[in-house]
Amino acid sequence: VLAKLGHKIEGGVPPFSQWRIPPYTVWGFIAGWLITMLSQYLGSSILYRIGANILFIFSLLFFVQALSVFSFFMKKYSLNIVFKVIIYFILITTPFLSFIAVFVGLLDSLLDLRRLNLAKSSG
């Protein structure tokens, strides 16, 4: 789509298993959480809505990051497509696992669980 609009992406779009959110985005997640907590202390519904929306946006970003992490490891261990679909389905439809996935994405952003930076510097 971007190519048809005249935009070029240097090096192309990486495979989904290689997608990575910059570590500084964790601060957006923390800011949303802190604003939400502060709003409860102050009793401000507007502040709560702002914090909740910021938290929602960053949670969604880290959830996609987590799906990328799971994709990386499923590719690494050559999982069958049926198991991949089942794992994605369970992650997306189970609220508790979705919540855990957000933190997997957050941890990958901070700790580079897939060692993607090592692969870039050595390759």
PDB file of N, CA and C in Angstrom:
ATOM      1  N   VAL A   1       0.833  -1.182   0.000  1.00  0.00           N
ATOM      2  CA  VAL A   1       0.000   0.000   0.000  1.00  0.00           C
ATOM      3  C   VAL A   1       0.881   1.251   0.000  1.00  0.00           C
ATOM      4  N   LEU A   2       1.908   1.253   0.856  1.00  0.00           N
ATOM      5  CA  LEU A   2       2.788   2.427   0.909  1.00  0.00           C
ATOM      6  C   LEU A   2       3.531   2.638  -0.406  1.00  0.00           C
ATOM      7  N   ALA A   3       3.920   1.541  -1.051  1.00  0.00           N
ATOM      8  CA  ALA A   3       4.622   1.655  -2.328  1.00  0.00           C
ATOM      9  C   ALA A   3       3.735   2.320  -3.386  1.00  0.00           C
ATOM     10  N   LYS A   4       2.453   1.986  -3.386  1.00  0.00           N
ATOM     11  CA  LYS A   4       1.520   2.593  -4.336  1.00  0.00           C
ATOM     12  C   LYS A   4       1.311   4.076  -4.054  1.00  0.00           C
ATOM     13  N   LEU A   5       1.496   4.473  -2.806  1.00  0.00           N
ATOM     14  CA  LEU A   5       1.356   5.881  -2.436  1.00  0.00           C
ATOM     15  C   LEU A   5       2.649   6.659  -2.642  1.00  0.00           C
ATOM     16  N   GLY A   6       3.704   5.967  -3.090  1.00  0.00           N
ATOM     17  CA  GLY A   6       4.960   6.636  -3.379  1.00  0.00           C
ATOM     18  C   GLY A   6       5.943   6.665  -2.212  1.00  0.00           C
ATOM     19  N   HIS A   7       5.671   5.904  -1.156  1.00  0.00           N
ATOM     20  CA  HIS A   7       6.572   5.848  -0.002  1.00  0.00           C
ATOM     21  C   HIS A   7       7.459   4.615  -0.096  1.00  0.00           C
ATOM     22  N   LYS A   8       8.713   4.781   0.280  1.00  0.00           N
ATOM     23  CA  LYS A   8       9.631   3.646   0.293  1.00  0.00           C
ATOM     24  C   LYS A   8      10.059   3.355   1.721  1.00  0.00           C
ATOM     25  N   ILE A   9      10.169   2.075   2.030  1.00  0.00           N
ATOM     26  CA  ILE A   9      10.661   1.645   3.332  1.00  0.00           C
ATOM     27  C   ILE A   9      12.023   1.011   3.099  1.00  0.00           C
ATOM     28  N   GLU A  10      13.047   1.623   3.689  1.00  0.00           N
ATOM     29  CA  GLU A  10      14.408   1.113   3.487  1.00  0.00           C
ATOM     30  C   GLU A  10      14.539  -0.279   4.066  1.00  0.00           C
ATOM     31  N   GLY A  11      15.061  -1.196   3.267  1.00  0.00           N
ATOM     32  CA  GLY A  11      15.258  -2.566   3.719  1.00  0.00           C
ATOM     33  C   GLY A  11      13.985  -3.389   3.726  1.00  0.00           C
ATOM     34  N   GLY A  12      12.860  -2.802   3.388  1.00  0.00           N
ATOM     35  CA  GLY A  12      11.593  -3.511   3.386  1.00  0.00           C
ATOM     36  C   GLY A  12      11.031  -3.685   4.789  1.00  0.00           C
ATOM     37  N   VAL A  13       9.853  -4.232   4.853  1.00  0.00           N
ATOM     38  CA  VAL A  13       9.202  -4.489   6.138  1.00  0.00           C
ATOM     39  C   VAL A  13       9.735  -5.820   6.667  1.00  0.00           C
ATOM     40  N   PRO A  14      10.231  -5.833   7.902  1.00  0.00           N
ATOM     41  CA  PRO A  14      10.755  -7.087   8.448  1.00  0.00           C
ATOM     42  C   PRO A  14       9.630  -8.094   8.675  1.00  0.00           C
ATOM     43  N   PRO A  15       9.971  -9.379   8.733  1.00  0.00           N
ATOM     44  CA  PRO A  15       8.936 -10.376   9.038  1.00  0.00           C
ATOM     45  C   PRO A  15       8.320 -10.101  10.413  1.00  0.00           C
ATOM     46  N   PHE A  16       7.077 -10.529  10.597  1.00  0.00           N
ATOM     47  CA  PHE A  16       6.362 -10.244  11.843  1.00  0.00           C
ATOM     48  C   PHE A  16       7.138 -10.736  13.068  1.00  0.00           C
ATOM     49  N   SER A  17       7.829 -11.844  12.952  1.00  0.00           N
ATOM     50  CA  SER A  17       8.573 -12.390  14.091  1.00  0.00           C
ATOM     51  C   SER A  17       9.759 -11.512  14.484  1.00  0.00           C
ATOM     52  N   GLN A  18      10.095 -10.532  13.659  1.00  0.00           N
ATOM     53  CA  GLN A  18      11.221  -9.631  13.939  1.00  0.00           C
ATOM     54  C   GLN A  18      10.772  -8.235  14.371  1.00  0.00           C
ATOM     55  N   TRP A  19       9.472  -8.001  14.441  1.00  0.00           N
ATOM     56  CA  TRP A  19       8.975  -6.685  14.833  1.00  0.00           C
ATOM     57  C   TRP A  19       9.400  -6.378  16.253  1.00  0.00           C
ATOM     58  N   ARG A  20       9.740  -5.119  16.491  1.00  0.00           N
ATOM     59  CA  ARG A  20      10.202  -4.721  17.818  1.00  0.00           C
ATOM     60  C   ARG A  20       9.806  -3.280  18.094  1.00  0.00           C
ATOM     61  N   ILE A  21       9.270  -3.050  19.276  1.00  0.00           N
ATOM     62  CA  ILE A  21       8.910  -1.710  19.721  1.00  0.00           C
ATOM     63  C   ILE A  21      10.107  -1.154  20.488  1.00  0.00           C
ATOM     64  N   PRO A  22      10.456   0.110  20.276  1.00  0.00           N
ATOM     65  CA  PRO A  22      11.598   0.685  20.999  1.00  0.00           C
ATOM     66  C   PRO A  22      11.381   0.652  22.514  1.00  0.00           C
ATOM     67  N   PRO A  23      12.460   0.454  23.267  1.00  0.00           N
ATOM     68  CA  PRO A  23      12.332   0.354  24.732  1.00  0.00           C
ATOM     69  C   PRO A  23      11.723   1.585  25.400  1.00  0.00           C
ATOM     70  N   TYR A  24      11.891   2.765  24.816  1.00  0.00           N
ATOM     71  CA  TYR A  24      11.362   3.968  25.462  1.00  0.00           C
ATOM     72  C   TYR A  24       9.835   4.019  25.468  1.00  0.00           C
ATOM     73  N   THR A  25       9.162   3.170  24.697  1.00  0.00           N
ATOM     74  CA  THR A  25       7.700   3.159  24.709  1.00  0.00           C
ATOM     75  C   THR A  25       7.149   2.644  26.039  1.00  0.00           C
ATOM     76  N   VAL A  26       7.991   1.981  26.809  1.00  0.00           N
ATOM     77  CA  VAL A  26       7.574   1.524  28.139  1.00  0.00           C
ATOM     78  C   VAL A  26       7.141   2.716  28.986  1.00  0.00           C
ATOM     79  N   TRP A  27       7.767   3.865  28.766  1.00  0.00           N
ATOM     80  CA  TRP A  27       7.415   5.066  29.529  1.00  0.00           C
ATOM     81  C   TRP A  27       5.987   5.515  29.259  1.00  0.00           C
ATOM     82  N   GLY A  28       5.495   5.295  28.053  1.00  0.00           N
ATOM     83  CA  GLY A  28       4.101   5.620  27.749  1.00  0.00           C
ATOM     84  C   GLY A  28       3.150   4.732  28.537  1.00  0.00           C
ATOM     85  N   PHE A  29       3.485   3.450  28.627  1.00  0.00           N
ATOM     86  CA  PHE A  29       2.699   2.509  29.417  1.00  0.00           C
ATOM     87  C   PHE A  29       2.692   2.926  30.890  1.00  0.00           C
ATOM     88  N   ILE A  30       3.871   3.254  31.407  1.00  0.00           N
ATOM     89  CA  ILE A  30       3.993   3.670  32.806  1.00  0.00           C
ATOM     90  C   ILE A  30       3.216   4.968  33.048  1.00  0.00           C
ATOM     91  N   ALA A  31       3.305   5.905  32.105  1.00  0.00           N
ATOM     92  CA  ALA A  31       2.582   7.179  32.242  1.00  0.00           C
ATOM     93  C   ALA A  31       1.073   6.932  32.300  1.00  0.00           C
ATOM     94  N   GLY A  32       0.568   6.076  31.435  1.00  0.00           N
ATOM     95  CA  GLY A  32      -0.863   5.757  31.455  1.00  0.00           C
ATOM     96  C   GLY A  32      -1.281   5.136  32.772  1.00  0.00           C
ATOM     97  N   TRP A  33      -0.456   4.239  33.284  1.00  0.00           N
ATOM     98  CA  TRP A  33      -0.753   3.591  34.560  1.00  0.00           C
ATOM     99  C   TRP A  33      -0.732   4.610  35.704  1.00  0.00           C
ATOM    100  N   LEU A  34       0.286   5.495  35.708  1.00  0.00           N
ATOM    101  CA  LEU A  34       0.388   6.494  36.771  1.00  0.00           C
ATOM    102  C   LEU A  34      -0.761   7.499  36.723  1.00  0.00           C
ATOM    103  N   ILE A  35      -1.149   7.920  35.530  1.00  0.00           N
ATOM    104  CA  ILE A  35      -2.274   8.856  35.401  1.00  0.00           C
ATOM    105  C   ILE A  35      -3.553   8.201  35.905  1.00  0.00           C
ATOM    106  N   THR A  36      -3.734   6.923  35.586  1.00  0.00           N
ATOM    107  CA  THR A  36      -4.917   6.198  36.065  1.00  0.00           C
ATOM    108  C   THR A  36      -4.923   6.118  37.587  1.00  0.00           C
ATOM    109  N   MET A  37      -3.778   5.800  38.178  1.00  0.00           N
ATOM    110  CA  MET A  37      -3.687   5.722  39.639  1.00  0.00           C
ATOM    111  C   MET A  37      -3.905   7.100  40.279  1.00  0.00           C
ATOM    112  N   LEU A  38      -3.321   8.132  39.696  1.00  0.00           N
ATOM    113  CA  LEU A  38      -3.471   9.488  40.208  1.00  0.00           C
ATOM    114  C   LEU A  38      -4.924   9.946  40.140  1.00  0.00           C
ATOM    115  N   SER A  39      -5.609   9.563  39.074  1.00  0.00           N
ATOM    116  CA  SER A  39      -7.011   9.958  38.923  1.00  0.00           C
ATOM    117  C   SER A  39      -7.879   9.354  40.017  1.00  0.00           C
ATOM    118  N   GLN A  40      -7.559   8.147  40.427  1.00  0.00           N
ATOM    119  CA  GLN A  40      -8.333   7.530  41.510  1.00  0.00           C
ATOM    120  C   GLN A  40      -8.059   8.242  42.832  1.00  0.00           C
ATOM    121  N   TYR A  41      -6.841   8.672  43.028  1.00  0.00           N
ATOM    122  CA  TYR A  41      -6.482   9.407  44.240  1.00  0.00           C
ATOM    123  C   TYR A  41      -7.190  10.766  44.281  1.00  0.00           C
ATOM    124  N   LEU A  42      -7.230  11.435  43.117  1.00  0.00           N
ATOM    125  CA  LEU A  42      -7.846  12.761  43.035  1.00  0.00           C
ATOM    126  C   LEU A  42      -9.353  12.712  42.808  1.00  0.00           C
ATOM    127  N   GLY A  43      -9.848  11.544  42.404  1.00  0.00           N
ATOM    128  CA  GLY A  43     -11.277  11.416  42.123  1.00  0.00           C
ATOM    129  C   GLY A  43     -11.696  12.088  40.832  1.00  0.00           C
ATOM    130  N   SER A  44     -10.808  12.165  39.854  1.00  0.00           N
ATOM    131  CA  SER A  44     -11.088  12.840  38.584  1.00  0.00           C
ATOM    132  C   SER A  44     -11.435  11.821  37.501  1.00  0.00           C
ATOM    133  N   SER A  45     -12.673  11.895  36.995  1.00  0.00           N
ATOM    134  CA  SER A  45     -13.079  10.951  35.957  1.00  0.00           C
ATOM    135  C   SER A  45     -12.430  11.287  34.609  1.00  0.00           C
ATOM    136  N   ILE A  46     -12.189  12.545  34.337  1.00  0.00           N
ATOM    137  CA  ILE A  46     -11.529  12.949  33.086  1.00  0.00           C
ATOM    138  C   ILE A  46     -10.105  12.417  33.055  1.00  0.00           C
ATOM    139  N   LEU A  47      -9.396  12.608  34.140  1.00  0.00           N
ATOM    140  CA  LEU A  47      -8.024  12.126  34.238  1.00  0.00           C
ATOM    141  C   LEU A  47      -7.990  10.604  34.116  1.00  0.00           C
ATOM    142  N   TYR A  48      -8.986   9.936  34.705  1.00  0.00           N
ATOM    143  CA  TYR A  48      -9.054   8.480  34.609  1.00  0.00           C
ATOM    144  C   TYR A  48      -9.231   8.045  33.152  1.00  0.00           C
ATOM    145  N   ARG A  49     -10.104   8.730  32.429  1.00  0.00           N
ATOM    146  CA  ARG A  49     -10.337   8.382  31.020  1.00  0.00           C
ATOM    147  C   ARG A  49      -9.084   8.594  30.178  1.00  0.00           C
ATOM    148  N   ILE A  50      -8.371   9.675  30.449  1.00  0.00           N
ATOM    149  CA  ILE A  50      -7.125   9.936  29.715  1.00  0.00           C
ATOM    150  C   ILE A  50      -6.112   8.840  30.000  1.00  0.00           C
ATOM    151  N   GLY A  51      -5.909   8.528  31.277  1.00  0.00           N
ATOM    152  CA  GLY A  51      -4.952   7.494  31.658  1.00  0.00           C
ATOM    153  C   GLY A  51      -5.335   6.135  31.108  1.00  0.00           C
ATOM    154  N   ALA A  52      -6.624   5.803  31.183  1.00  0.00           N
ATOM    155  CA  ALA A  52      -7.094   4.509  30.690  1.00  0.00           C
ATOM    156  C   ALA A  52      -6.889   4.380  29.181  1.00  0.00           C
ATOM    157  N   ASN A  53      -7.118   5.465  28.453  1.00  0.00           N
ATOM    158  CA  ASN A  53      -6.909   5.432  26.998  1.00  0.00           C
ATOM    159  C   ASN A  53      -5.436   5.288  26.648  1.00  0.00           C
ATOM    160  N   ILE A  54      -4.575   6.008  27.360  1.00  0.00           N
ATOM    161  CA  ILE A  54      -3.132   5.868  27.124  1.00  0.00           C
ATOM    162  C   ILE A  54      -2.699   4.445  27.431  1.00  0.00           C
ATOM    163  N   LEU A  55      -3.177   3.917  28.550  1.00  0.00           N
ATOM    164  CA  LEU A  55      -2.843   2.551  28.946  1.00  0.00           C
ATOM    165  C   LEU A  55      -3.353   1.542  27.921  1.00  0.00           C
ATOM    166  N   PHE A  56      -4.545   1.758  27.390  1.00  0.00           N
ATOM    167  CA  PHE A  56      -5.113   0.868  26.384  1.00  0.00           C
ATOM    168  C   PHE A  56      -4.257   0.856  25.111  1.00  0.00           C
ATOM    169  N   ILE A  57      -3.865   2.040  24.651  1.00  0.00           N
ATOM    170  CA  ILE A  57      -3.070   2.135  23.418  1.00  0.00           C
ATOM    171  C   ILE A  57      -1.735   1.411  23.582  1.00  0.00           C
ATOM    172  N   PHE A  58      -1.049   1.657  24.690  1.00  0.00           N
ATOM    173  CA  PHE A  58       0.243   1.015  24.892  1.00  0.00           C
ATOM    174  C   PHE A  58       0.102  -0.471  25.186  1.00  0.00           C
ATOM    175  N   SER A  59      -0.987  -0.873  25.829  1.00  0.00           N
ATOM    176  CA  SER A  59      -1.233  -2.303  26.048  1.00  0.00           C
ATOM    177  C   SER A  59      -1.427  -3.011  24.712  1.00  0.00           C
ATOM    178  N   LEU A  60      -2.143  -2.357  23.808  1.00  0.00           N
ATOM    179  CA  LEU A  60      -2.342  -2.937  22.477  1.00  0.00           C
ATOM    180  C   LEU A  60      -1.015  -3.077  21.736  1.00  0.00           C
ATOM    181  N   LEU A  61      -0.165  -2.053  21.818  1.00  0.00           N
ATOM    182  CA  LEU A  61       1.150  -2.123  21.186  1.00  0.00           C
ATOM    183  C   LEU A  61       1.985  -3.278  21.752  1.00  0.00           C
ATOM    184  N   PHE A  62       1.978  -3.407  23.074  1.00  0.00           N
ATOM    185  CA  PHE A  62       2.763  -4.479  23.691  1.00  0.00           C
ATOM    186  C   PHE A  62       2.143  -5.850  23.456  1.00  0.00           C
ATOM    187  N   PHE A  63       0.837  -5.918  23.251  1.00  0.00           N
ATOM    188  CA  PHE A  63       0.203  -7.184  22.898  1.00  0.00           C
ATOM    189  C   PHE A  63       0.666  -7.634  21.513  1.00  0.00           C
ATOM    190  N   VAL A  64       0.711  -6.702  20.567  1.00  0.00           N
ATOM    191  CA  VAL A  64       1.217  -7.028  19.227  1.00  0.00           C
ATOM    192  C   VAL A  64       2.683  -7.450  19.316  1.00  0.00           C
ATOM    193  N   GLN A  65       3.449  -6.766  20.160  1.00  0.00           N
ATOM    194  CA  GLN A  65       4.845  -7.144  20.382  1.00  0.00           C
ATOM    195  C   GLN A  65       4.926  -8.577  20.915  1.00  0.00           C
ATOM    196  N   ALA A  66       4.040  -8.920  21.849  1.00  0.00           N
ATOM    197  CA  ALA A  66       4.030 -10.272  22.412  1.00  0.00           C
ATOM    198  C   ALA A  66       3.692 -11.301  21.333  1.00  0.00           C
ATOM    199  N   LEU A  67       2.734 -10.983  20.465  1.00  0.00           N
ATOM    200  CA  LEU A  67       2.421 -11.899  19.367  1.00  0.00           C
ATOM    201  C   LEU A  67       3.642 -12.101  18.478  1.00  0.00           C
ATOM    202  N   SER A  68       4.414 -11.047  18.295  1.00  0.00           N
ATOM    203  CA  SER A  68       5.652 -11.149  17.526  1.00  0.00           C
ATOM    204  C   SER A  68       6.665 -12.053  18.232  1.00  0.00           C
ATOM    205  N   VAL A  69       6.739 -11.942  19.561  1.00  0.00           N
ATOM    206  CA  VAL A  69       7.632 -12.801  20.344  1.00  0.00           C
ATOM    207  C   VAL A  69       7.215 -14.259  20.193  1.00  0.00           C
ATOM    208  N   PHE A  70       5.907 -14.526  20.345  1.00  0.00           N
ATOM    209  CA  PHE A  70       5.423 -15.897  20.208  1.00  0.00           C
ATOM    210  C   PHE A  70       5.667 -16.414  18.793  1.00  0.00           C
ATOM    211  N   SER A  71       5.473 -15.554  17.803  1.00  0.00           N
ATOM    212  CA  SER A  71       5.743 -15.938  16.421  1.00  0.00           C
ATOM    213  C   SER A  71       7.205 -16.316  16.227  1.00  0.00           C
ATOM    214  N   PHE A  72       8.097 -15.543  16.833  1.00  0.00           N
ATOM    215  CA  PHE A  72       9.529 -15.810  16.743  1.00  0.00           C
ATOM    216  C   PHE A  72       9.859 -17.197  17.300  1.00  0.00           C
ATOM    217  N   PHE A  73       9.355 -17.493  18.494  1.00  0.00           N
ATOM    218  CA  PHE A  73       9.680 -18.771  19.121  1.00  0.00           C
ATOM    219  C   PHE A  73       8.975 -19.947  18.450  1.00  0.00           C
ATOM    220  N   MET A  74       7.778 -19.727  17.924  1.00  0.00           N
ATOM    221  CA  MET A  74       7.105 -20.799  17.197  1.00  0.00           C
ATOM    222  C   MET A  74       7.846 -21.109  15.898  1.00  0.00           C
ATOM    223  N   LYS A  75       8.394 -20.070  15.278  1.00  0.00           N
ATOM    224  CA  LYS A  75       9.187 -20.262  14.062  1.00  0.00           C
ATOM    225  C   LYS A  75      10.512 -20.949  14.410  1.00  0.00           C
ATOM    226  N   LYS A  76      11.116 -20.536  15.507  1.00  0.00           N
ATOM    227  CA  LYS A  76      12.401 -21.104  15.938  1.00  0.00           C
ATOM    228  C   LYS A  76      12.275 -22.600  16.210  1.00  0.00           C
ATOM    229  N   TYR A  77      11.171 -22.994  16.837  1.00  0.00           N
ATOM    230  CA  TYR A  77      10.975 -24.406  17.182  1.00  0.00           C
ATOM    231  C   TYR A  77      10.111 -25.152  16.166  1.00  0.00           C
ATOM    232  N   SER A  78       9.889 -24.548  15.003  1.00  0.00           N
ATOM    233  CA  SER A  78       9.178 -25.166  13.871  1.00  0.00           C
ATOM    234  C   SER A  78       7.845 -25.794  14.271  1.00  0.00           C
ATOM    235  N   LEU A  79       6.998 -25.028  14.928  1.00  0.00           N
ATOM    236  CA  LEU A  79       5.689 -25.525  15.317  1.00  0.00           C
ATOM    237  C   LEU A  79       4.791 -25.674  14.102  1.00  0.00           C
ATOM    238  N   ASN A  80       3.969 -26.666  14.131  1.00  0.00           N
ATOM    239  CA  ASN A  80       2.994 -26.944  13.091  1.00  0.00           C
ATOM    240  C   ASN A  80       2.002 -25.779  13.012  1.00  0.00           C
ATOM    241  N   ILE A  81       1.496 -25.483  11.832  1.00  0.00           N
ATOM    242  CA  ILE A  81       0.572 -24.363  11.623  1.00  0.00           C
ATOM    243  C   ILE A  81      -0.681 -24.510  12.483  1.00  0.00           C
ATOM    244  N   VAL A  82      -1.136 -25.738  12.698  1.00  0.00           N
ATOM    245  CA  VAL A  82      -2.328 -25.972  13.518  1.00  0.00           C
ATOM    246  C   VAL A  82      -2.077 -25.499  14.950  1.00  0.00           C
ATOM    247  N   PHE A  83      -0.907 -25.839  15.498  1.00  0.00           N
ATOM    248  CA  PHE A  83      -0.577 -25.410  16.854  1.00  0.00           C
ATOM    249  C   PHE A  83      -0.416 -23.891  16.931  1.00  0.00           C
ATOM    250  N   LYS A  84       0.140 -23.299  15.887  1.00  0.00           N
ATOM    251  CA  LYS A  84       0.278 -21.843  15.860  1.00  0.00           C
ATOM    252  C   LYS A  84      -1.082 -21.167  15.924  1.00  0.00           C
ATOM    253  N   VAL A  85      -2.020 -21.643  15.126  1.00  0.00           N
ATOM    254  CA  VAL A  85      -3.362 -21.062  15.100  1.00  0.00           C
ATOM    255  C   VAL A  85      -4.036 -21.236  16.453  1.00  0.00           C
ATOM    256  N   ILE A  86      -3.881 -22.417  17.060  1.00  0.00           N
ATOM    257  CA  ILE A  86      -4.486 -22.673  18.370  1.00  0.00           C
ATOM    258  C   ILE A  86      -3.885 -21.735  19.423  1.00  0.00           C
ATOM    259  N   ILE A  87      -2.567 -21.579  19.405  1.00  0.00           N
ATOM    260  CA  ILE A  87      -1.900 -20.701  20.380  1.00  0.00           C
ATOM    261  C   ILE A  87      -2.357 -19.255  20.205  1.00  0.00           C
ATOM    262  N   TYR A  88      -2.390 -18.771  18.958  1.00  0.00           N
ATOM    263  CA  TYR A  88      -2.858 -17.398  18.718  1.00  0.00           C
ATOM    264  C   TYR A  88      -4.313 -17.235  19.164  1.00  0.00           C
ATOM    265  N   PHE A  89      -5.141 -18.206  18.838  1.00  0.00           N
ATOM    266  CA  PHE A  89      -6.560 -18.134  19.205  1.00  0.00           C
ATOM    267  C   PHE A  89      -6.722 -18.054  20.724  1.00  0.00           C
ATOM    268  N   ILE A  90      -6.002 -18.908  21.436  1.00  0.00           N
ATOM    269  CA  ILE A  90      -6.095 -18.915  22.901  1.00  0.00           C
ATOM    270  C   ILE A  90      -5.574 -17.601  23.480  1.00  0.00           C
ATOM    271  N   LEU A  91      -4.469 -17.098  22.943  1.00  0.00           N
ATOM    272  CA  LEU A  91      -3.920 -15.830  23.437  1.00  0.00           C
ATOM    273  C   LEU A  91      -4.885 -14.661  23.233  1.00  0.00           C
ATOM    274  N   ILE A  92      -5.545 -14.646  22.094  1.00  0.00           N
ATOM    275  CA  ILE A  92      -6.428 -13.533  21.761  1.00  0.00           C
ATOM    276  C   ILE A  92      -7.756 -13.615  22.511  1.00  0.00           C
ATOM    277  N   THR A  93      -8.250 -14.828  22.755  1.00  0.00           N
ATOM    278  CA  THR A  93      -9.589 -14.968  23.336  1.00  0.00           C
ATOM    279  C   THR A  93      -9.607 -15.145  24.852  1.00  0.00           C
ATOM    280  N   THR A  94      -8.474 -15.388  25.475  1.00  0.00           N
ATOM    281  CA  THR A  94      -8.433 -15.588  26.925  1.00  0.00           C
ATOM    282  C   THR A  94      -7.906 -14.319  27.591  1.00  0.00           C
ATOM    283  N   PRO A  95      -8.763 -13.618  28.336  1.00  0.00           N
ATOM    284  CA  PRO A  95      -8.344 -12.333  28.923  1.00  0.00           C
ATOM    285  C   PRO A  95      -7.094 -12.423  29.798  1.00  0.00           C
ATOM    286  N   PHE A  96      -7.007 -13.436  30.637  1.00  0.00           N
ATOM    287  CA  PHE A  96      -5.839 -13.546  31.515  1.00  0.00           C
ATOM    288  C   PHE A  96      -4.559 -13.739  30.710  1.00  0.00           C
ATOM    289  N   LEU A  97      -4.610 -14.590  29.691  1.00  0.00           N
ATOM    290  CA  LEU A  97      -3.424 -14.815  28.861  1.00  0.00           C
ATOM    291  C   LEU A  97      -3.092 -13.587  28.019  1.00  0.00           C
ATOM    292  N   SER A  98      -4.108 -12.841  27.614  1.00  0.00           N
ATOM    293  CA  SER A  98      -3.863 -11.582  26.898  1.00  0.00           C
ATOM    294  C   SER A  98      -3.147 -10.591  27.802  1.00  0.00           C
ATOM    295  N   PHE A  99      -3.556 -10.556  29.063  1.00  0.00           N
ATOM    296  CA  PHE A  99      -2.920  -9.693  30.056  1.00  0.00           C
ATOM    297  C   PHE A  99      -1.458 -10.098  30.250  1.00  0.00           C
ATOM    298  N   ILE A 100      -1.198 -11.397  30.357  1.00  0.00           N
ATOM    299  CA  ILE A 100       0.171 -11.897  30.501  1.00  0.00           C
ATOM    300  C   ILE A 100       0.972 -11.563  29.233  1.00  0.00           C
ATOM    301  N   ALA A 101       0.334 -11.672  28.077  1.00  0.00           N
ATOM    302  CA  ALA A 101       1.016 -11.387  26.811  1.00  0.00           C
ATOM    303  C   ALA A 101       1.472  -9.936  26.740  1.00  0.00           C
ATOM    304  N   VAL A 102       0.676  -9.019  27.273  1.00  0.00           N
ATOM    305  CA  VAL A 102       1.073  -7.604  27.287  1.00  0.00           C
ATOM    306  C   VAL A 102       2.395  -7.459  28.042  1.00  0.00           C
ATOM    307  N   PHE A 103       2.525  -8.150  29.164  1.00  0.00           N
ATOM    308  CA  PHE A 103       3.758  -8.052  29.939  1.00  0.00           C
ATOM    309  C   PHE A 103       4.919  -8.780  29.276  1.00  0.00           C
ATOM    310  N   VAL A 104       4.625  -9.830  28.502  1.00  0.00           N
ATOM    311  CA  VAL A 104       5.680 -10.472  27.710  1.00  0.00           C
ATOM    312  C   VAL A 104       6.207  -9.481  26.679  1.00  0.00           C
ATOM    313  N   GLY A 105       5.305  -8.759  26.018  1.00  0.00           N
ATOM    314  CA  GLY A 105       5.712  -7.730  25.059  1.00  0.00           C
ATOM    315  C   GLY A 105       6.508  -6.618  25.707  1.00  0.00           C
ATOM    316  N   LEU A 106       6.064  -6.200  26.885  1.00  0.00           N
ATOM    317  CA  LEU A 106       6.766  -5.154  27.627  1.00  0.00           C
ATOM    318  C   LEU A 106       8.171  -5.628  28.019  1.00  0.00           C
ATOM    319  N   LEU A 107       8.266  -6.857  28.508  1.00  0.00           N
ATOM    320  CA  LEU A 107       9.578  -7.405  28.890  1.00  0.00           C
ATOM    321  C   LEU A 107      10.488  -7.567  27.684  1.00  0.00           C
ATOM    322  N   ASP A 108       9.928  -7.971  26.554  1.00  0.00           N
ATOM    323  CA  ASP A 108      10.755  -8.109  25.356  1.00  0.00           C
ATOM    324  C   ASP A 108      11.290  -6.758  24.908  1.00  0.00           C
ATOM    325  N   SER A 109      10.474  -5.736  25.050  1.00  0.00           N
ATOM    326  CA  SER A 109      10.917  -4.396  24.686  1.00  0.00           C
ATOM    327  C   SER A 109      12.078  -3.946  25.569  1.00  0.00           C
ATOM    328  N   LEU A 110      12.002  -4.289  26.849  1.00  0.00           N
ATOM    329  CA  LEU A 110      13.051  -3.881  27.792  1.00  0.00           C
ATOM    330  C   LEU A 110      14.273  -4.796  27.765  1.00  0.00           C
ATOM    331  N   LEU A 111      14.043  -6.106  27.722  1.00  0.00           N
ATOM    332  CA  LEU A 111      15.128  -7.077  27.915  1.00  0.00           C
ATOM    333  C   LEU A 111      15.581  -7.790  26.645  1.00  0.00           C
ATOM    334  N   ASP A 112      14.930  -7.540  25.523  1.00  0.00           N
ATOM    335  CA  ASP A 112      15.270  -8.189  24.256  1.00  0.00           C
ATOM    336  C   ASP A 112      15.302  -9.714  24.417  1.00  0.00           C
ATOM    337  N   LEU A 113      14.147 -10.292  24.774  1.00  0.00           N
ATOM    338  CA  LEU A 113      14.035 -11.723  25.021  1.00  0.00           C
ATOM    339  C   LEU A 113      14.454 -12.565  23.812  1.00  0.00           C
ATOM    340  N   ARG A 114      14.265 -12.028  22.626  1.00  0.00           N
ATOM    341  CA  ARG A 114      14.600 -12.783  21.405  1.00  0.00           C
ATOM    342  C   ARG A 114      16.032 -12.571  20.959  1.00  0.00           C
ATOM    343  N   ARG A 115      16.748 -11.682  21.628  1.00  0.00           N
ATOM    344  CA  ARG A 115      18.139 -11.355  21.284  1.00  0.00           C
ATOM    345  C   ARG A 115      18.257 -10.834  19.851  1.00  0.00           C
ATOM    346  N   LEU A 116      17.309  -9.983  19.442  1.00  0.00           N
ATOM    347  CA  LEU A 116      17.322  -9.430  18.092  1.00  0.00           C
ATOM    348  C   LEU A 116      18.470  -8.452  17.908  1.00  0.00           C
ATOM    349  N   ASN A 117      18.812  -7.684  18.935  1.00  0.00           N
ATOM    350  CA  ASN A 117      19.932  -6.741  18.813  1.00  0.00           C
ATOM    351  C   ASN A 117      21.254  -7.468  18.659  1.00  0.00           C
ATOM    352  N   LEU A 118      21.416  -8.617  19.303  1.00  0.00           N
ATOM    353  CA  LEU A 118      22.630  -9.418  19.136  1.00  0.00           C
ATOM    354  C   LEU A 118      22.731  -9.935  17.697  1.00  0.00           C
ATOM    355  N   ALA A 119      21.598 -10.353  17.155  1.00  0.00           N
ATOM    356  CA  ALA A 119      21.593 -10.871  15.785  1.00  0.00           C
ATOM    357  C   ALA A 119      21.944  -9.776  14.787  1.00  0.00           C
ATOM    358  N   LYS A 120      21.463  -8.532  15.033  1.00  0.00           N
ATOM    359  CA  LYS A 120      21.781  -7.432  14.132  1.00  0.00           C
ATOM    360  C   LYS A 120      23.248  -7.061  14.183  1.00  0.00           C
ATOM    361  N   SER A 121      23.805  -7.010  15.397  1.00  0.00           N
ATOM    362  CA  SER A 121      25.193  -6.569  15.529  1.00  0.00           C
ATOM    363  C   SER A 121      26.173  -7.623  15.030  1.00  0.00           C
ATOM    364  N   SER A 122      25.805  -8.910  15.105  1.00  0.00           N
ATOM    365  CA  SER A 122      26.738  -9.936  14.638  1.00  0.00           C
ATOM    366  C   SER A 122      26.526 -10.265  13.175  1.00  0.00           C
ATOM    367  N   GLY A 123      25.354  -9.954  12.629  1.00  0.00           N
ATOM    368  CA  GLY A 123      25.032 -10.327  11.258  1.00  0.00           C
ATOM    369  C   GLY A 123      25.198  -9.211  10.369  1.00  0.00           C
TER     370      GLY A 123
END
